[in-house]
Amino acid sequence: MQTVPLQLSDVIYNATNQSFEARVTVHDTSGARSYACAIEAPITMEFEDAAAGLATQAMRRHTHGRSDSVHMPQAAAPRRPMRRRGLRTMVIDRFASAPPQAA
């Protein structure tokens, strides 16, 4: 059996629906896919049990090819455009910025 790394993010308890909810990211050889998961459970459930249920749901979706996942491409270094290209010069009129004086 192959082990696939999982990452649980933003785990919350939704009191309205009485469920634990999280974004679970599954990392494998094809990249990372993120799934929105929820399990109905009482608030008294242990966190480890809730996390296991959320992970199981994400793995089921991942292995059965559900289309409600979000593909997360590999992070690349941000491209920094030429700094001067977007800059504009500002002309400040010293008379407009001076406080008014009494005549």
Protein backbone atom coordinates (compact mmCIF):
# COMPACT_ATOMS: atom_id res chain seq x y z
CA MET A 1 0.00 0.00 0.00
CA GLN A 2 1.30 3.42 -1.00
CA THR A 3 1.29 6.36 1.41
CA VAL A 4 0.11 9.69 -0.01
CA PRO A 5 0.86 12.90 1.89
CA LEU A 6 -2.20 14.87 2.98
CA GLN A 7 -2.50 18.40 4.27
CA LEU A 8 -5.56 19.63 6.19
CA SER A 9 -6.13 23.39 6.13
CA ASP A 10 -8.77 25.62 7.66
CA VAL A 11 -10.42 22.93 9.77
CA ILE A 12 -13.57 24.37 11.34
CA TYR A 13 -16.70 23.13 13.06
CA ASN A 14 -19.86 24.37 11.38
CA ALA A 15 -22.45 24.49 14.16
CA THR A 16 -25.29 25.18 11.73
CA ASN A 17 -24.70 21.94 9.81
CA GLN A 18 -23.14 20.14 12.79
CA SER A 19 -20.16 19.10 10.72
CA PHE A 20 -16.40 19.41 10.57
CA GLU A 21 -15.20 21.10 7.38
CA ALA A 22 -11.73 21.47 5.89
CA ARG A 23 -9.75 21.93 2.73
CA VAL A 24 -7.70 18.77 2.25
CA THR A 25 -4.77 18.80 -0.18
CA VAL A 26 -3.56 15.47 -1.57
CA HIS A 27 0.03 15.45 -2.85
CA ASP A 28 1.03 12.71 -5.28
CA THR A 29 3.24 12.23 -8.33
CA SER A 30 0.85 14.15 -10.61
CA GLY A 31 0.89 17.25 -8.37
CA ALA A 32 -1.39 18.52 -5.65
CA ARG A 33 -5.18 18.53 -5.67
CA SER A 34 -7.33 20.24 -3.08
CA TYR A 35 -10.78 19.04 -1.98
CA ALA A 36 -13.45 20.73 0.14
CA CYS A 37 -14.52 18.05 2.62
CA ALA A 38 -17.16 17.89 5.35
CA ILE A 39 -18.27 15.16 7.74
CA GLU A 40 -21.31 15.25 9.97
CA ALA A 41 -20.25 14.79 13.57
CA PRO A 42 -20.96 16.15 17.05
CA ILE A 43 -18.73 18.90 18.38
CA THR A 44 -17.53 16.50 21.09
CA MET A 45 -15.74 14.31 18.51
CA GLU A 46 -11.98 14.12 19.00
CA PHE A 47 -9.98 16.18 16.50
CA GLU A 48 -7.93 13.16 15.41
CA ASP A 49 -11.13 11.25 14.53
CA ALA A 50 -12.52 14.22 12.61
CA ALA A 51 -9.22 14.64 10.74
CA ALA A 52 -9.20 10.95 9.85
CA GLY A 53 -12.75 11.20 8.48
CA LEU A 54 -11.90 14.27 6.41
CA ALA A 55 -8.75 12.59 5.08
CA THR A 56 -10.71 9.46 4.15
CA GLN A 57 -13.26 11.53 2.24
CA ALA A 58 -10.52 13.37 0.34
CA MET A 59 -8.75 10.10 -0.57
CA ARG A 60 -12.01 8.61 -1.86
CA ARG A 61 -12.54 11.63 -4.08
CA HIS A 62 -8.93 11.54 -5.21
CA THR A 63 -8.83 7.84 -6.09
CA HIS A 64 -12.25 7.77 -7.76
CA GLY A 65 -11.52 10.83 -9.89
CA ARG A 66 -14.21 13.21 -8.68
CA SER A 67 -14.17 16.41 -10.71
CA ASP A 68 -14.86 18.76 -7.79
CA SER A 69 -11.19 19.18 -6.99
CA VAL A 70 -9.02 22.17 -7.61
CA HIS A 71 -5.68 21.55 -9.30
CA MET A 72 -2.88 23.43 -7.58
CA PRO A 73 0.08 23.89 -9.97
CA GLN A 74 3.61 23.92 -8.70
CA ALA A 75 4.57 27.25 -7.19
CA ALA A 76 6.96 29.25 -9.34
CA ALA A 77 9.09 32.20 -8.42
CA PRO A 78 7.12 35.40 -9.06
CA ARG A 79 8.22 37.33 -12.11
CA ARG A 80 9.12 40.87 -11.35
CA PRO A 81 8.48 43.21 -14.26
CA MET A 82 10.81 46.02 -15.09
CA ARG A 83 10.47 48.42 -12.22
CA ARG A 84 10.66 51.64 -14.24
CA ARG A 85 8.12 50.64 -16.85
CA GLY A 86 5.06 51.13 -14.64
CA LEU A 87 6.23 54.16 -12.69
CA ARG A 88 4.91 57.61 -13.45
CA THR A 89 6.45 60.86 -12.42
CA MET A 90 4.51 63.20 -10.22
CA VAL A 91 5.01 66.93 -10.45
CA ILE A 92 4.33 68.76 -7.21
CA ASP A 93 3.56 72.43 -7.45
CA ARG A 94 5.15 74.07 -4.43
CA PHE A 95 2.62 76.90 -4.53
CA ALA A 96 -0.32 74.48 -4.43
CA SER A 97 1.12 72.67 -1.42
CA ALA A 98 2.04 75.80 0.57
CA PRO A 99 -0.41 76.86 3.29
CA PRO A 100 -2.51 79.93 2.43
CA GLN A 101 -1.14 83.23 3.66
CA ALA A 102 -3.11 86.27 4.78
CA ALA A 103 -2.98 89.27 2.50
